[in-house]
Amino acid sequence: MKKSKFFNRALVVLCVIAAFYFVGHFSAQKKIPEQVLPPVIKFKVFQSKNPPFNFTFEYPDVWHARERGYQGSYDMVEVMGAPGKNSPLMPGIFVTKKALAGGGTLNGLMDAWLKTEGRYRNFKVFSSRDIEVSGQKALETEYGYVLSLPLMSSKAKSITVKKEQIVVVKDNASFELTFIGTEEQFKIYKPIFRHALETFEFSEP
């Protein structure tokens, strides 16, 4: 009788161990490895003599950077890549600087941004977390929605757009770093955006 009880307990223990093994094994299989930057990509540094752009960061040398000013409301740097053969959307990195006359919190700025973006079809927030950018506290949110592209075209198709939005506050100004692309572009070019974030530095006054 004792042997039977011992055998049953041993069998239960072995079953539990086997269950943990298979759960861990299949969980490991489901993990998608994080994409890394191909070594062939060359980068250049964005650096401007225009006073609003008191920051630098690296971006692919084949992408095109352009500075924009919007009548004092905000200033923006656009860095655009190639859309690809079958995509109506160009992947891009945007850095927007706005003055904060009355101050502002990271959560308040992000909520205001998402409220504006929430007008798009099938808008959904995927994740949000606290990070650091150039030694400053920042808030990062990843989200998506559906657009009909090309805009104002009878041949427009529904495209899922993904964005990563980061808000930083420094010296009475907000800095919004945005990465945009289709789902496929997001997978391919996200390491480039991560590199831009890692190399983003505020210039010394």
N, C-alpha and C. Protein backbone atom coordinates (compact mmCIF):
# COMPACT_ATOMS: atom_id res chain seq x y z
N MET A 1 0.83 -1.21 0.00
CA MET A 1 0.00 0.00 0.00
C MET A 1 0.86 1.25 0.00
N LYS A 2 1.89 1.23 0.88
CA LYS A 2 2.80 2.38 0.96
C LYS A 2 3.52 2.58 -0.37
N LYS A 3 3.89 1.44 -1.00
CA LYS A 3 4.58 1.54 -2.28
C LYS A 3 3.68 2.17 -3.34
N SER A 4 2.39 1.81 -3.27
CA SER A 4 1.45 2.35 -4.24
C SER A 4 1.30 3.87 -4.07
N LYS A 5 1.19 4.32 -2.80
CA LYS A 5 1.08 5.76 -2.54
C LYS A 5 2.34 6.49 -3.00
N PHE A 6 3.50 5.87 -2.70
CA PHE A 6 4.77 6.49 -3.10
C PHE A 6 4.85 6.61 -4.62
N PHE A 7 4.42 5.54 -5.31
CA PHE A 7 4.45 5.53 -6.77
C PHE A 7 3.54 6.61 -7.34
N ASN A 8 2.33 6.74 -6.76
CA ASN A 8 1.38 7.74 -7.24
C ASN A 8 1.93 9.15 -7.06
N ARG A 9 2.55 9.42 -5.89
CA ARG A 9 3.12 10.75 -5.63
C ARG A 9 4.26 11.05 -6.59
N ALA A 10 5.10 10.04 -6.81
CA ALA A 10 6.23 10.22 -7.74
C ALA A 10 5.72 10.51 -9.15
N LEU A 11 4.63 9.81 -9.53
CA LEU A 11 4.05 10.02 -10.85
C LEU A 11 3.50 11.43 -11.01
N VAL A 12 2.86 11.94 -9.93
CA VAL A 12 2.33 13.31 -9.96
C VAL A 12 3.44 14.32 -10.11
N VAL A 13 4.53 14.12 -9.34
CA VAL A 13 5.68 15.03 -9.42
C VAL A 13 6.27 15.05 -10.82
N LEU A 14 6.41 13.85 -11.41
CA LEU A 14 6.97 13.77 -12.77
C LEU A 14 6.06 14.47 -13.78
N CYS A 15 4.75 14.34 -13.61
CA CYS A 15 3.80 14.99 -14.51
C CYS A 15 3.89 16.51 -14.41
N VAL A 16 4.05 17.00 -13.17
CA VAL A 16 4.18 18.45 -12.96
C VAL A 16 5.44 18.97 -13.60
N ILE A 17 6.55 18.23 -13.43
CA ILE A 17 7.83 18.63 -14.02
C ILE A 17 7.71 18.65 -15.55
N ALA A 18 7.07 17.62 -16.09
CA ALA A 18 6.90 17.54 -17.54
C ALA A 18 6.05 18.70 -18.06
N ALA A 19 5.01 19.05 -17.31
CA ALA A 19 4.14 20.15 -17.71
C ALA A 19 4.91 21.46 -17.75
N PHE A 20 5.71 21.73 -16.71
CA PHE A 20 6.53 22.95 -16.68
C PHE A 20 7.51 22.97 -17.84
N TYR A 21 8.08 21.80 -18.16
CA TYR A 21 9.04 21.73 -19.25
C TYR A 21 8.39 22.11 -20.58
N PHE A 22 7.22 21.51 -20.86
CA PHE A 22 6.56 21.79 -22.13
C PHE A 22 6.06 23.22 -22.22
N VAL A 23 5.56 23.77 -21.11
CA VAL A 23 5.12 25.17 -21.11
C VAL A 23 6.29 26.10 -21.39
N GLY A 24 7.41 25.85 -20.72
CA GLY A 24 8.60 26.67 -20.94
C GLY A 24 9.15 26.52 -22.34
N HIS A 25 9.11 25.28 -22.83
CA HIS A 25 9.64 25.00 -24.17
C HIS A 25 8.85 25.73 -25.24
N PHE A 26 7.52 25.62 -25.18
CA PHE A 26 6.69 26.26 -26.20
C PHE A 26 6.66 27.77 -26.03
N SER A 27 6.78 28.26 -24.80
CA SER A 27 6.85 29.71 -24.58
C SER A 27 8.10 30.27 -25.22
N ALA A 28 9.21 29.54 -25.07
CA ALA A 28 10.47 29.99 -25.67
C ALA A 28 10.37 30.00 -27.18
N GLN A 29 9.64 29.00 -27.72
CA GLN A 29 9.50 28.94 -29.18
C GLN A 29 8.68 30.10 -29.71
N LYS A 30 7.72 30.57 -28.92
CA LYS A 30 6.84 31.63 -29.37
C LYS A 30 7.49 33.01 -29.29
N LYS A 31 8.57 33.13 -28.52
CA LYS A 31 9.24 34.42 -28.38
C LYS A 31 9.85 34.84 -29.72
N ILE A 32 9.54 36.04 -30.14
CA ILE A 32 10.08 36.55 -31.40
C ILE A 32 11.35 37.34 -31.09
N PRO A 33 12.47 36.96 -31.66
CA PRO A 33 13.70 37.68 -31.38
C PRO A 33 13.63 39.13 -31.83
N GLU A 34 14.17 40.02 -31.01
CA GLU A 34 14.13 41.44 -31.34
C GLU A 34 15.04 41.71 -32.53
N GLN A 35 14.55 42.48 -33.47
CA GLN A 35 15.32 42.76 -34.67
C GLN A 35 16.50 43.67 -34.33
N VAL A 36 17.58 43.45 -35.03
CA VAL A 36 18.77 44.27 -34.83
C VAL A 36 19.08 44.99 -36.13
N LEU A 37 19.89 46.02 -36.02
CA LEU A 37 20.25 46.80 -37.20
C LEU A 37 21.24 46.03 -38.07
N PRO A 38 20.97 45.94 -39.36
CA PRO A 38 21.95 45.33 -40.27
C PRO A 38 23.23 46.17 -40.27
N PRO A 39 24.38 45.51 -40.27
CA PRO A 39 25.66 46.25 -40.21
C PRO A 39 25.92 47.13 -41.43
N VAL A 40 25.19 46.89 -42.54
CA VAL A 40 25.44 47.67 -43.76
C VAL A 40 24.84 49.07 -43.68
N ILE A 41 23.93 49.31 -42.73
CA ILE A 41 23.29 50.63 -42.64
C ILE A 41 24.29 51.66 -42.12
N LYS A 42 24.40 52.77 -42.85
CA LYS A 42 25.26 53.86 -42.43
C LYS A 42 24.40 55.02 -41.93
N PHE A 43 24.89 55.72 -40.93
CA PHE A 43 24.12 56.79 -40.32
C PHE A 43 24.82 58.13 -40.47
N LYS A 44 24.00 59.17 -40.43
CA LYS A 44 24.53 60.53 -40.38
C LYS A 44 23.87 61.24 -39.22
N VAL A 45 24.46 62.33 -38.79
CA VAL A 45 23.97 63.05 -37.62
C VAL A 45 23.12 64.23 -38.04
N PHE A 46 21.90 64.31 -37.48
CA PHE A 46 21.12 65.52 -37.67
C PHE A 46 21.64 66.58 -36.71
N GLN A 47 22.01 67.72 -37.26
CA GLN A 47 22.50 68.83 -36.44
C GLN A 47 22.15 70.12 -37.17
N SER A 48 21.52 71.05 -36.48
CA SER A 48 21.03 72.25 -37.14
C SER A 48 21.57 73.51 -36.48
N LYS A 49 21.74 74.56 -37.29
CA LYS A 49 22.11 75.88 -36.76
C LYS A 49 20.86 76.68 -36.40
N ASN A 50 19.70 76.14 -36.73
CA ASN A 50 18.44 76.78 -36.41
C ASN A 50 18.18 76.61 -34.91
N PRO A 51 18.11 77.68 -34.13
CA PRO A 51 18.01 77.58 -32.66
C PRO A 51 16.93 76.67 -32.09
N PRO A 52 15.73 76.57 -32.72
CA PRO A 52 14.74 75.68 -32.10
C PRO A 52 15.19 74.23 -31.97
N PHE A 53 16.07 73.80 -32.90
CA PHE A 53 16.47 72.41 -32.91
C PHE A 53 17.75 72.21 -32.09
N ASN A 54 17.57 72.26 -30.77
CA ASN A 54 18.71 72.16 -29.85
C ASN A 54 18.97 70.70 -29.47
N PHE A 55 19.08 69.85 -30.50
CA PHE A 55 19.31 68.43 -30.26
C PHE A 55 19.98 67.82 -31.49
N THR A 56 20.55 66.64 -31.28
CA THR A 56 21.16 65.88 -32.37
C THR A 56 20.71 64.42 -32.25
N PHE A 57 20.73 63.72 -33.36
CA PHE A 57 20.45 62.27 -33.35
C PHE A 57 20.92 61.69 -34.68
N GLU A 58 21.07 60.39 -34.72
CA GLU A 58 21.54 59.73 -35.92
C GLU A 58 20.38 59.08 -36.67
N TYR A 59 20.46 59.13 -38.01
CA TYR A 59 19.45 58.51 -38.86
C TYR A 59 20.14 57.96 -40.11
N PRO A 60 19.51 57.03 -40.83
CA PRO A 60 20.16 56.44 -42.02
C PRO A 60 20.52 57.50 -43.05
N ASP A 61 21.70 57.37 -43.62
CA ASP A 61 22.17 58.40 -44.56
C ASP A 61 21.38 58.42 -45.86
N VAL A 62 20.59 57.37 -46.14
CA VAL A 62 19.78 57.35 -47.36
C VAL A 62 18.37 57.92 -47.11
N TRP A 63 18.05 58.21 -45.86
CA TRP A 63 16.78 58.86 -45.55
C TRP A 63 16.96 60.37 -45.68
N HIS A 64 15.87 61.09 -45.84
CA HIS A 64 15.94 62.53 -46.11
C HIS A 64 15.37 63.33 -44.94
N ALA A 65 16.18 64.27 -44.43
CA ALA A 65 15.76 65.11 -43.30
C ALA A 65 15.35 66.50 -43.82
N ARG A 66 14.31 67.03 -43.20
CA ARG A 66 13.83 68.36 -43.58
C ARG A 66 13.35 69.09 -42.33
N GLU A 67 13.69 70.37 -42.24
CA GLU A 67 13.27 71.19 -41.10
C GLU A 67 12.04 72.01 -41.49
N ARG A 68 11.09 72.09 -40.55
CA ARG A 68 9.87 72.84 -40.81
C ARG A 68 9.56 73.75 -39.62
N GLY A 69 9.05 74.95 -39.92
CA GLY A 69 8.58 75.86 -38.88
C GLY A 69 7.14 76.23 -39.17
N TYR A 70 6.29 76.20 -38.16
CA TYR A 70 4.87 76.43 -38.36
C TYR A 70 4.42 77.70 -37.64
N GLN A 71 4.90 78.85 -38.11
CA GLN A 71 4.47 80.16 -37.63
C GLN A 71 4.51 80.28 -36.11
N GLY A 72 5.55 79.73 -35.54
CA GLY A 72 5.73 79.88 -34.10
C GLY A 72 4.95 78.90 -33.25
N SER A 73 4.01 78.13 -33.85
CA SER A 73 3.23 77.16 -33.07
C SER A 73 4.11 76.00 -32.62
N TYR A 74 4.89 75.48 -33.55
CA TYR A 74 5.85 74.43 -33.22
C TYR A 74 6.86 74.31 -34.35
N ASP A 75 7.95 73.62 -34.07
CA ASP A 75 8.99 73.37 -35.06
C ASP A 75 9.18 71.87 -35.18
N MET A 76 9.47 71.41 -36.40
CA MET A 76 9.53 69.97 -36.62
C MET A 76 10.69 69.59 -37.52
N VAL A 77 11.28 68.43 -37.20
CA VAL A 77 12.24 67.79 -38.09
C VAL A 77 11.60 66.52 -38.63
N GLU A 78 11.57 66.39 -39.94
CA GLU A 78 11.03 65.19 -40.59
C GLU A 78 12.18 64.40 -41.19
N VAL A 79 12.22 63.12 -40.91
CA VAL A 79 13.21 62.25 -41.54
C VAL A 79 12.45 61.11 -42.21
N MET A 80 12.43 61.11 -43.53
CA MET A 80 11.58 60.18 -44.27
C MET A 80 12.40 59.13 -45.03
N GLY A 81 11.89 57.89 -44.99
CA GLY A 81 12.49 56.81 -45.75
C GLY A 81 11.73 56.57 -47.04
N ALA A 82 12.07 55.52 -47.75
CA ALA A 82 11.39 55.17 -49.00
C ALA A 82 10.17 54.31 -48.68
N PRO A 83 9.05 54.52 -49.39
CA PRO A 83 7.82 53.78 -49.08
C PRO A 83 7.86 52.31 -49.46
N GLY A 84 8.65 51.93 -50.45
CA GLY A 84 8.63 50.56 -50.93
C GLY A 84 7.66 50.42 -52.10
N LYS A 85 7.76 49.32 -52.83
CA LYS A 85 7.00 49.13 -54.07
C LYS A 85 5.49 49.07 -53.84
N ASN A 86 5.07 48.35 -52.82
CA ASN A 86 3.64 48.10 -52.64
C ASN A 86 3.03 48.87 -51.47
N SER A 87 3.69 49.92 -51.02
CA SER A 87 3.17 50.67 -49.87
C SER A 87 2.91 52.12 -50.23
N PRO A 88 1.73 52.65 -49.87
CA PRO A 88 1.44 54.06 -50.13
C PRO A 88 1.92 54.98 -49.01
N LEU A 89 2.56 54.41 -48.00
CA LEU A 89 2.99 55.20 -46.84
C LEU A 89 4.50 55.19 -46.70
N MET A 90 5.08 56.37 -46.52
CA MET A 90 6.52 56.47 -46.28
C MET A 90 6.79 56.33 -44.79
N PRO A 91 7.71 55.44 -44.39
CA PRO A 91 8.08 55.37 -42.98
C PRO A 91 8.82 56.63 -42.60
N GLY A 92 8.65 57.09 -41.38
CA GLY A 92 9.32 58.33 -41.00
C GLY A 92 9.50 58.51 -39.51
N ILE A 93 10.46 59.38 -39.19
CA ILE A 93 10.73 59.79 -37.82
C ILE A 93 10.51 61.30 -37.75
N PHE A 94 9.75 61.74 -36.76
CA PHE A 94 9.44 63.15 -36.60
C PHE A 94 9.83 63.59 -35.19
N VAL A 95 10.46 64.75 -35.10
CA VAL A 95 10.76 65.36 -33.80
C VAL A 95 10.09 66.73 -33.79
N THR A 96 9.12 66.90 -32.91
CA THR A 96 8.35 68.14 -32.84
C THR A 96 8.64 68.85 -31.53
N LYS A 97 8.96 70.15 -31.61
CA LYS A 97 9.24 70.95 -30.42
C LYS A 97 8.17 72.03 -30.27
N LYS A 98 7.60 72.10 -29.05
CA LYS A 98 6.57 73.10 -28.76
C LYS A 98 6.91 73.81 -27.45
N ALA A 99 6.64 75.08 -27.40
CA ALA A 99 6.82 75.84 -26.16
C ALA A 99 5.72 75.49 -25.18
N LEU A 100 6.08 75.42 -23.89
CA LEU A 100 5.10 75.13 -22.84
C LEU A 100 4.96 76.38 -21.97
N ALA A 101 4.10 77.29 -22.39
CA ALA A 101 3.93 78.54 -21.65
C ALA A 101 3.40 78.31 -20.24
N GLY A 102 2.44 77.39 -20.12
CA GLY A 102 1.84 77.13 -18.80
C GLY A 102 2.34 75.86 -18.16
N GLY A 103 3.42 75.31 -18.67
CA GLY A 103 3.91 74.04 -18.13
C GLY A 103 3.12 72.88 -18.69
N GLY A 104 3.47 71.69 -18.30
CA GLY A 104 2.77 70.50 -18.78
C GLY A 104 3.44 69.25 -18.25
N THR A 105 2.64 68.20 -18.05
CA THR A 105 3.18 66.93 -17.57
C THR A 105 3.27 65.95 -18.73
N LEU A 106 4.08 64.92 -18.56
CA LEU A 106 4.22 63.92 -19.61
C LEU A 106 2.88 63.23 -19.88
N ASN A 107 2.17 62.87 -18.81
CA ASN A 107 0.89 62.19 -18.98
C ASN A 107 -0.14 63.11 -19.66
N GLY A 108 -0.15 64.38 -19.26
CA GLY A 108 -1.09 65.32 -19.86
C GLY A 108 -0.83 65.53 -21.33
N LEU A 109 0.45 65.65 -21.70
CA LEU A 109 0.82 65.84 -23.10
C LEU A 109 0.49 64.61 -23.93
N MET A 110 0.76 63.42 -23.36
CA MET A 110 0.46 62.19 -24.09
C MET A 110 -1.04 62.00 -24.25
N ASP A 111 -1.80 62.30 -23.20
CA ASP A 111 -3.27 62.16 -23.29
C ASP A 111 -3.84 63.08 -24.37
N ALA A 112 -3.32 64.31 -24.44
CA ALA A 112 -3.79 65.25 -25.45
C ALA A 112 -3.46 64.74 -26.86
N TRP A 113 -2.26 64.18 -27.02
CA TRP A 113 -1.85 63.64 -28.32
C TRP A 113 -2.75 62.48 -28.73
N LEU A 114 -2.98 61.54 -27.81
CA LEU A 114 -3.77 60.35 -28.12
C LEU A 114 -5.24 60.71 -28.36
N LYS A 115 -5.71 61.75 -27.71
CA LYS A 115 -7.08 62.20 -27.94
C LYS A 115 -7.25 62.65 -29.38
N THR A 116 -6.25 63.36 -29.89
CA THR A 116 -6.28 63.81 -31.28
C THR A 116 -6.18 62.63 -32.25
N GLU A 117 -5.27 61.71 -31.96
CA GLU A 117 -5.08 60.55 -32.83
C GLU A 117 -6.26 59.58 -32.76
N GLY A 118 -7.01 59.63 -31.66
CA GLY A 118 -8.11 58.70 -31.46
C GLY A 118 -9.27 58.86 -32.42
N ARG A 119 -9.23 59.90 -33.25
CA ARG A 119 -10.32 60.10 -34.21
C ARG A 119 -10.23 59.13 -35.38
N TYR A 120 -9.08 58.48 -35.54
CA TYR A 120 -8.91 57.57 -36.67
C TYR A 120 -9.60 56.23 -36.42
N ARG A 121 -9.92 55.55 -37.51
CA ARG A 121 -10.67 54.30 -37.43
C ARG A 121 -9.87 53.19 -36.76
N ASN A 122 -10.52 52.43 -35.92
CA ASN A 122 -9.94 51.28 -35.21
C ASN A 122 -8.72 51.67 -34.37
N PHE A 123 -8.75 52.87 -33.82
CA PHE A 123 -7.65 53.33 -32.98
C PHE A 123 -7.50 52.42 -31.76
N LYS A 124 -6.26 52.03 -31.46
CA LYS A 124 -6.01 51.15 -30.32
C LYS A 124 -4.62 51.39 -29.75
N VAL A 125 -4.53 51.51 -28.43
CA VAL A 125 -3.23 51.64 -27.75
C VAL A 125 -2.74 50.24 -27.40
N PHE A 126 -1.49 49.94 -27.77
CA PHE A 126 -0.93 48.61 -27.52
C PHE A 126 -0.10 48.57 -26.23
N SER A 127 0.63 49.63 -25.95
CA SER A 127 1.48 49.62 -24.75
C SER A 127 1.87 51.04 -24.37
N SER A 128 2.25 51.22 -23.12
CA SER A 128 2.71 52.52 -22.64
C SER A 128 3.68 52.28 -21.49
N ARG A 129 4.78 53.04 -21.46
CA ARG A 129 5.77 52.83 -20.39
C ARG A 129 6.63 54.06 -20.20
N ASP A 130 7.27 54.13 -19.03
CA ASP A 130 8.20 55.21 -18.72
C ASP A 130 9.58 54.82 -19.23
N ILE A 131 10.27 55.77 -19.88
CA ILE A 131 11.63 55.52 -20.36
C ILE A 131 12.47 56.77 -20.09
N GLU A 132 13.70 56.77 -20.58
CA GLU A 132 14.57 57.95 -20.52
C GLU A 132 15.08 58.27 -21.92
N VAL A 133 15.15 59.55 -22.23
CA VAL A 133 15.71 60.01 -23.49
C VAL A 133 16.71 61.11 -23.16
N SER A 134 17.96 60.90 -23.52
CA SER A 134 19.01 61.87 -23.24
C SER A 134 19.03 62.28 -21.77
N GLY A 135 18.85 61.29 -20.88
CA GLY A 135 18.90 61.55 -19.45
C GLY A 135 17.66 62.18 -18.86
N GLN A 136 16.63 62.40 -19.69
CA GLN A 136 15.39 63.02 -19.24
C GLN A 136 14.28 61.96 -19.14
N LYS A 137 13.40 62.14 -18.15
CA LYS A 137 12.25 61.24 -18.05
C LYS A 137 11.35 61.43 -19.27
N ALA A 138 10.83 60.33 -19.77
CA ALA A 138 9.99 60.38 -20.97
C ALA A 138 8.88 59.34 -20.85
N LEU A 139 7.85 59.50 -21.66
CA LEU A 139 6.74 58.56 -21.71
C LEU A 139 6.59 58.06 -23.14
N GLU A 140 6.51 56.74 -23.28
CA GLU A 140 6.45 56.10 -24.60
C GLU A 140 5.13 55.34 -24.75
N THR A 141 4.44 55.55 -25.86
CA THR A 141 3.20 54.83 -26.14
C THR A 141 3.23 54.31 -27.57
N GLU A 142 2.83 53.05 -27.72
CA GLU A 142 2.73 52.45 -29.05
C GLU A 142 1.25 52.21 -29.36
N TYR A 143 0.82 52.61 -30.55
CA TYR A 143 -0.60 52.49 -30.89
C TYR A 143 -0.76 52.33 -32.40
N GLY A 144 -2.00 52.13 -32.82
CA GLY A 144 -2.25 51.96 -34.24
C GLY A 144 -3.67 52.33 -34.62
N TYR A 145 -3.91 52.44 -35.93
CA TYR A 145 -5.24 52.73 -36.44
C TYR A 145 -5.27 52.38 -37.93
N VAL A 146 -6.42 52.58 -38.56
CA VAL A 146 -6.57 52.23 -39.97
C VAL A 146 -6.83 53.49 -40.78
N LEU A 147 -6.10 53.61 -41.90
CA LEU A 147 -6.29 54.72 -42.83
C LEU A 147 -6.62 54.18 -44.22
N SER A 148 -7.34 54.96 -45.00
CA SER A 148 -7.57 54.64 -46.40
C SER A 148 -6.54 55.39 -47.22
N LEU A 149 -5.62 54.65 -47.83
CA LEU A 149 -4.52 55.25 -48.59
C LEU A 149 -4.47 54.69 -50.00
N PRO A 150 -4.03 55.51 -50.98
CA PRO A 150 -3.72 56.95 -50.89
C PRO A 150 -4.95 57.78 -50.55
N LEU A 151 -4.72 58.89 -49.86
CA LEU A 151 -5.81 59.77 -49.48
C LEU A 151 -6.50 60.35 -50.71
N MET A 152 -7.82 60.52 -50.61
CA MET A 152 -8.61 61.15 -51.68
C MET A 152 -8.45 60.42 -53.01
N SER A 153 -8.30 59.10 -52.95
CA SER A 153 -8.14 58.32 -54.18
C SER A 153 -9.25 57.28 -54.27
N SER A 154 -9.76 57.07 -55.48
CA SER A 154 -10.79 56.06 -55.69
C SER A 154 -10.23 54.65 -55.55
N LYS A 155 -8.90 54.53 -55.60
CA LYS A 155 -8.24 53.23 -55.47
C LYS A 155 -7.66 53.01 -54.06
N ALA A 156 -8.10 53.84 -53.11
CA ALA A 156 -7.57 53.75 -51.75
C ALA A 156 -7.90 52.40 -51.12
N LYS A 157 -6.95 51.90 -50.33
CA LYS A 157 -7.14 50.65 -49.60
C LYS A 157 -6.95 50.90 -48.10
N SER A 158 -7.60 50.07 -47.30
CA SER A 158 -7.45 50.19 -45.84
C SER A 158 -6.08 49.67 -45.42
N ILE A 159 -5.30 50.56 -44.79
CA ILE A 159 -3.94 50.22 -44.35
C ILE A 159 -3.85 50.40 -42.84
N THR A 160 -3.31 49.39 -42.17
CA THR A 160 -3.08 49.52 -40.73
C THR A 160 -1.78 50.28 -40.48
N VAL A 161 -1.88 51.39 -39.79
CA VAL A 161 -0.74 52.24 -39.49
C VAL A 161 -0.35 52.04 -38.02
N LYS A 162 0.95 51.93 -37.77
CA LYS A 162 1.41 51.82 -36.39
C LYS A 162 2.31 53.02 -36.08
N LYS A 163 2.23 53.48 -34.84
CA LYS A 163 3.04 54.61 -34.40
C LYS A 163 3.64 54.34 -33.03
N GLU A 164 4.81 54.91 -32.83
CA GLU A 164 5.42 54.94 -31.50
C GLU A 164 5.64 56.41 -31.16
N GLN A 165 5.06 56.84 -30.06
CA GLN A 165 5.09 58.24 -29.67
C GLN A 165 5.82 58.38 -28.34
N ILE A 166 6.78 59.31 -28.29
CA ILE A 166 7.53 59.56 -27.06
C ILE A 166 7.49 61.04 -26.75
N VAL A 167 7.19 61.36 -25.50
CA VAL A 167 7.10 62.75 -25.07
C VAL A 167 8.17 63.02 -24.01
N VAL A 168 8.91 64.12 -24.21
CA VAL A 168 9.95 64.56 -23.27
C VAL A 168 9.72 66.05 -22.98
N VAL A 169 9.98 66.46 -21.75
CA VAL A 169 9.89 67.88 -21.40
C VAL A 169 11.25 68.36 -20.91
N LYS A 170 11.70 69.49 -21.50
CA LYS A 170 12.99 70.06 -21.09
C LYS A 170 12.98 71.56 -21.35
N ASP A 171 13.39 72.32 -20.35
CA ASP A 171 13.55 73.78 -20.49
C ASP A 171 12.28 74.45 -21.04
N ASN A 172 11.15 74.17 -20.40
CA ASN A 172 9.86 74.80 -20.77
C ASN A 172 9.44 74.52 -22.21
N ALA A 173 9.83 73.36 -22.71
CA ALA A 173 9.42 72.95 -24.05
C ALA A 173 9.15 71.45 -24.05
N SER A 174 8.21 71.05 -24.89
CA SER A 174 7.96 69.61 -25.05
C SER A 174 8.58 69.15 -26.35
N PHE A 175 9.08 67.92 -26.33
CA PHE A 175 9.66 67.30 -27.51
C PHE A 175 8.91 66.00 -27.76
N GLU A 176 8.30 65.90 -28.93
CA GLU A 176 7.54 64.71 -29.29
C GLU A 176 8.29 63.96 -30.38
N LEU A 177 8.71 62.75 -30.09
CA LEU A 177 9.43 61.92 -31.06
C LEU A 177 8.48 60.85 -31.55
N THR A 178 8.24 60.82 -32.85
CA THR A 178 7.24 59.95 -33.42
C THR A 178 7.84 59.08 -34.52
N PHE A 179 7.48 57.80 -34.49
CA PHE A 179 7.86 56.89 -35.57
C PHE A 179 6.58 56.34 -36.18
N ILE A 180 6.48 56.38 -37.50
CA ILE A 180 5.25 55.93 -38.19
C ILE A 180 5.59 55.00 -39.33
N GLY A 181 4.73 54.01 -39.55
CA GLY A 181 4.90 53.10 -40.67
C GLY A 181 3.73 52.13 -40.73
N THR A 182 3.64 51.39 -41.81
CA THR A 182 2.66 50.31 -41.88
C THR A 182 3.13 49.21 -40.93
N GLU A 183 2.30 48.19 -40.74
CA GLU A 183 2.69 47.09 -39.84
C GLU A 183 4.01 46.47 -40.29
N GLU A 184 4.17 46.26 -41.58
CA GLU A 184 5.39 45.65 -42.10
C GLU A 184 6.59 46.59 -41.93
N GLN A 185 6.39 47.87 -42.25
CA GLN A 185 7.46 48.85 -42.09
C GLN A 185 7.86 48.99 -40.62
N PHE A 186 6.88 48.90 -39.75
CA PHE A 186 7.15 49.02 -38.32
C PHE A 186 8.09 47.91 -37.87
N LYS A 187 7.86 46.70 -38.35
CA LYS A 187 8.72 45.57 -38.00
C LYS A 187 10.14 45.77 -38.53
N ILE A 188 10.22 46.27 -39.77
CA ILE A 188 11.53 46.40 -40.42
C ILE A 188 12.34 47.56 -39.86
N TYR A 189 11.68 48.71 -39.69
CA TYR A 189 12.42 49.94 -39.38
C TYR A 189 12.42 50.34 -37.90
N LYS A 190 11.75 49.60 -37.05
CA LYS A 190 11.75 49.97 -35.64
C LYS A 190 13.17 50.04 -35.05
N PRO A 191 14.08 49.12 -35.42
CA PRO A 191 15.46 49.25 -34.90
C PRO A 191 16.11 50.58 -35.27
N ILE A 192 15.72 51.16 -36.40
CA ILE A 192 16.27 52.45 -36.80
C ILE A 192 15.77 53.54 -35.86
N PHE A 193 14.48 53.46 -35.49
CA PHE A 193 13.94 54.43 -34.55
C PHE A 193 14.58 54.27 -33.17
N ARG A 194 14.80 53.02 -32.77
CA ARG A 194 15.46 52.79 -31.48
C ARG A 194 16.87 53.39 -31.49
N HIS A 195 17.55 53.28 -32.63
CA HIS A 195 18.89 53.86 -32.73
C HIS A 195 18.83 55.38 -32.64
N ALA A 196 17.83 55.98 -33.30
CA ALA A 196 17.66 57.43 -33.22
C ALA A 196 17.44 57.87 -31.77
N LEU A 197 16.66 57.08 -31.03
CA LEU A 197 16.40 57.41 -29.62
C LEU A 197 17.67 57.28 -28.78
N GLU A 198 18.41 56.20 -29.01
CA GLU A 198 19.63 55.95 -28.24
C GLU A 198 20.69 57.02 -28.49
N THR A 199 20.67 57.63 -29.67
CA THR A 199 21.68 58.63 -30.02
C THR A 199 21.16 60.07 -29.84
N PHE A 200 19.89 60.21 -29.44
CA PHE A 200 19.29 61.53 -29.29
C PHE A 200 19.92 62.23 -28.09
N GLU A 201 20.44 63.43 -28.33
CA GLU A 201 21.09 64.20 -27.28
C GLU A 201 20.68 65.68 -27.39
N PHE A 202 20.38 66.26 -26.24
CA PHE A 202 20.12 67.69 -26.21
C PHE A 202 21.45 68.43 -26.24
N SER A 203 21.50 69.51 -27.02
CA SER A 203 22.72 70.30 -27.15
C SER A 203 22.90 71.16 -25.91
N GLU A 204 24.13 71.42 -25.58
CA GLU A 204 24.44 72.29 -24.45
C GLU A 204 24.11 73.73 -24.81
N PRO A 205 23.52 74.50 -23.88
CA PRO A 205 23.17 75.91 -24.17
C PRO A 205 24.41 76.76 -24.41
